[in-house]
Protein backbone atom coordinates (compact mmCIF):
# COMPACT_ATOMS: atom_id res chain seq x y z
CA MET A 1 -18.39 85.32 49.10
CA ALA A 2 -21.42 85.83 51.38
CA ASP A 3 -21.16 84.75 55.01
CA THR A 4 -23.39 81.68 55.00
CA LYS A 5 -23.15 81.21 58.80
CA SER A 6 -24.94 84.47 59.49
CA PHE A 7 -27.69 83.85 56.96
CA GLY A 8 -31.17 83.25 58.32
CA LEU A 9 -34.73 83.60 57.11
CA SER A 10 -36.87 86.20 58.93
CA ALA A 11 -39.29 88.26 56.92
CA ILE A 12 -42.38 86.69 55.34
CA ALA A 13 -43.22 88.25 51.98
CA GLN A 14 -46.26 86.19 50.97
CA ILE A 15 -48.58 83.54 52.35
CA ALA A 16 -50.62 81.26 50.06
CA VAL A 17 -54.07 80.00 50.92
CA ASN A 18 -55.81 77.40 48.85
CA THR A 19 -59.24 78.09 47.37
CA HIS A 20 -61.73 76.01 45.39
CA ASP A 21 -63.87 78.92 44.20
CA LEU A 22 -61.68 81.97 43.62
CA GLU A 23 -64.52 84.48 43.18
CA ARG A 24 -66.21 83.34 46.43
CA ALA A 25 -62.88 83.59 48.28
CA ILE A 26 -62.24 87.07 46.87
CA GLY A 27 -65.62 88.19 48.17
CA PHE A 28 -65.04 86.71 51.58
CA TYR A 29 -61.57 88.24 52.11
CA ARG A 30 -62.43 91.61 50.49
CA ASP A 31 -66.04 92.15 51.57
CA THR A 32 -66.50 90.06 54.70
CA LEU A 33 -63.06 90.44 56.27
CA GLY A 34 -62.53 93.94 54.81
CA MET A 35 -58.99 93.22 53.54
CA LYS A 36 -57.33 95.38 50.83
CA HIS A 37 -57.57 93.60 47.45
CA LEU A 38 -54.36 94.32 45.54
CA PHE A 39 -54.95 92.56 42.21
CA THR A 40 -56.26 89.37 40.56
CA VAL A 41 -54.55 87.13 38.02
CA PRO A 42 -57.49 85.38 36.40
CA PRO A 43 -58.48 82.61 36.60
CA HIS A 44 -56.17 81.24 39.30
CA MET A 45 -54.95 83.86 41.79
CA ALA A 46 -55.88 86.92 43.82
CA PHE A 47 -53.67 88.98 46.13
CA PHE A 48 -54.43 90.96 49.24
CA ASP A 49 -52.40 93.21 51.51
CA CYS A 50 -51.85 92.23 55.17
CA ALA A 51 -49.81 95.18 56.53
CA GLY A 52 -47.08 94.62 53.99
CA ILE A 53 -47.33 90.86 53.73
CA ARG A 54 -49.09 89.59 50.58
CA LEU A 55 -51.81 87.03 50.92
CA MET A 56 -52.26 84.95 47.82
CA LEU A 57 -55.50 83.09 47.26
CA SER A 58 -55.01 80.43 44.64
CA LEU A 59 -56.48 77.33 43.09
CA PRO A 60 -54.27 74.30 43.76
CA GLU A 61 -52.03 73.68 40.72
CA LYS A 62 -51.76 69.92 41.39
CA PRO A 63 -53.78 67.42 43.49
CA GLU A 64 -50.92 67.08 46.00
CA PHE A 65 -51.18 70.83 46.69
CA ASP A 66 -54.94 70.62 47.53
CA HIS A 67 -55.03 70.75 51.29
CA PRO A 68 -56.23 73.12 54.02
CA SER A 69 -53.91 76.04 54.76
CA SER A 70 -51.94 76.71 57.89
CA VAL A 71 -53.88 78.71 60.48
CA LEU A 72 -53.51 82.43 59.85
CA TYR A 73 -53.68 84.58 63.00
CA PHE A 74 -54.86 88.14 62.38
CA LYS A 75 -53.79 90.56 65.12
CA VAL A 76 -56.62 92.88 66.29
CA ASP A 77 -56.68 95.53 69.01
CA ASN A 78 -60.10 94.67 70.37
CA ILE A 79 -61.03 91.00 69.85
CA GLN A 80 -64.56 91.40 71.22
CA GLN A 81 -65.37 94.24 68.79
CA ALA A 82 -63.63 92.45 65.86
CA THR A 83 -65.55 89.26 66.54
CA GLN A 84 -68.85 91.17 66.68
CA THR A 85 -68.11 93.02 63.41
CA LEU A 86 -67.28 89.83 61.59
CA THR A 87 -70.30 88.06 63.08
CA ASP A 88 -72.48 90.91 61.80
CA ARG A 89 -70.95 90.25 58.36
CA GLY A 90 -71.97 86.65 58.50
CA VAL A 91 -68.82 84.98 59.82
CA GLN A 92 -69.58 82.03 62.03
CA PHE A 93 -67.03 81.56 64.79
CA GLU A 94 -66.00 78.08 65.83
CA GLU A 95 -64.45 79.56 68.99
CA GLN A 96 -65.66 82.80 70.53
CA PRO A 97 -62.99 85.07 72.15
CA LEU A 98 -61.16 82.99 74.70
CA PHE A 99 -58.56 84.05 77.32
CA VAL A 100 -55.49 81.88 76.59
CA ALA A 101 -52.74 83.09 78.91
CA ASN A 102 -51.46 85.88 81.12
CA MET A 103 -48.21 86.87 79.36
CA GLY A 104 -47.05 89.18 82.17
CA THR A 105 -47.66 92.54 80.63
CA TYR A 106 -50.72 91.51 78.55
CA ASP A 107 -53.38 88.80 78.33
CA LEU A 108 -53.50 86.71 75.14
CA TRP A 109 -56.94 86.13 73.61
CA LEU A 110 -57.93 84.05 70.59
CA ALA A 111 -61.05 83.37 68.48
CA SER A 112 -61.31 81.07 65.47
CA PHE A 113 -63.46 80.88 62.35
CA ARG A 114 -63.42 79.42 58.86
CA ASP A 115 -63.15 81.20 55.55
CA SER A 116 -65.37 80.56 52.55
CA GLU A 117 -63.05 77.73 51.52
CA ASN A 118 -63.19 75.99 54.97
CA ASN A 119 -59.70 77.06 55.95
CA LEU A 120 -59.31 77.75 59.68
CA LEU A 121 -58.45 81.40 60.53
CA ALA A 122 -58.07 83.10 63.90
CA LEU A 123 -58.08 86.48 65.59
CA MET A 124 -55.41 87.20 68.20
CA SER A 125 -55.43 90.08 70.66
CA GLU A 126 -52.82 91.19 73.20
CA VAL A 127 -54.81 93.00 75.94
CA ALA A 128 -52.60 95.18 78.13
CA HIS A 129 -53.02 94.92 81.89
């Protein structure tokens, strides 16, 4: 019998994000954000690679599942450069890069924007001192 006391969840395998127009969302994540498109299951789902974690874009199956997603924070090395690149691709930022906190060995910076389906997304950068 498995030791249930030591069991704990840790690794995330997949994150689901609701869409209302799958083709528009595929274009935004693939072409605007530059993410690697893995495959599409027409007409309801598309999958992308996020450094080993799958991102699933999908049409809500039931009305109770039709809600904005959790905020996804994409880690970037240079938040200023990433923000400019995405701005050049047509992304409109709700919050430009903002210093959040001195974490001792690095400064934490965030910037937020919305995807083509109006879900809030963010960039996060840990800038070494």
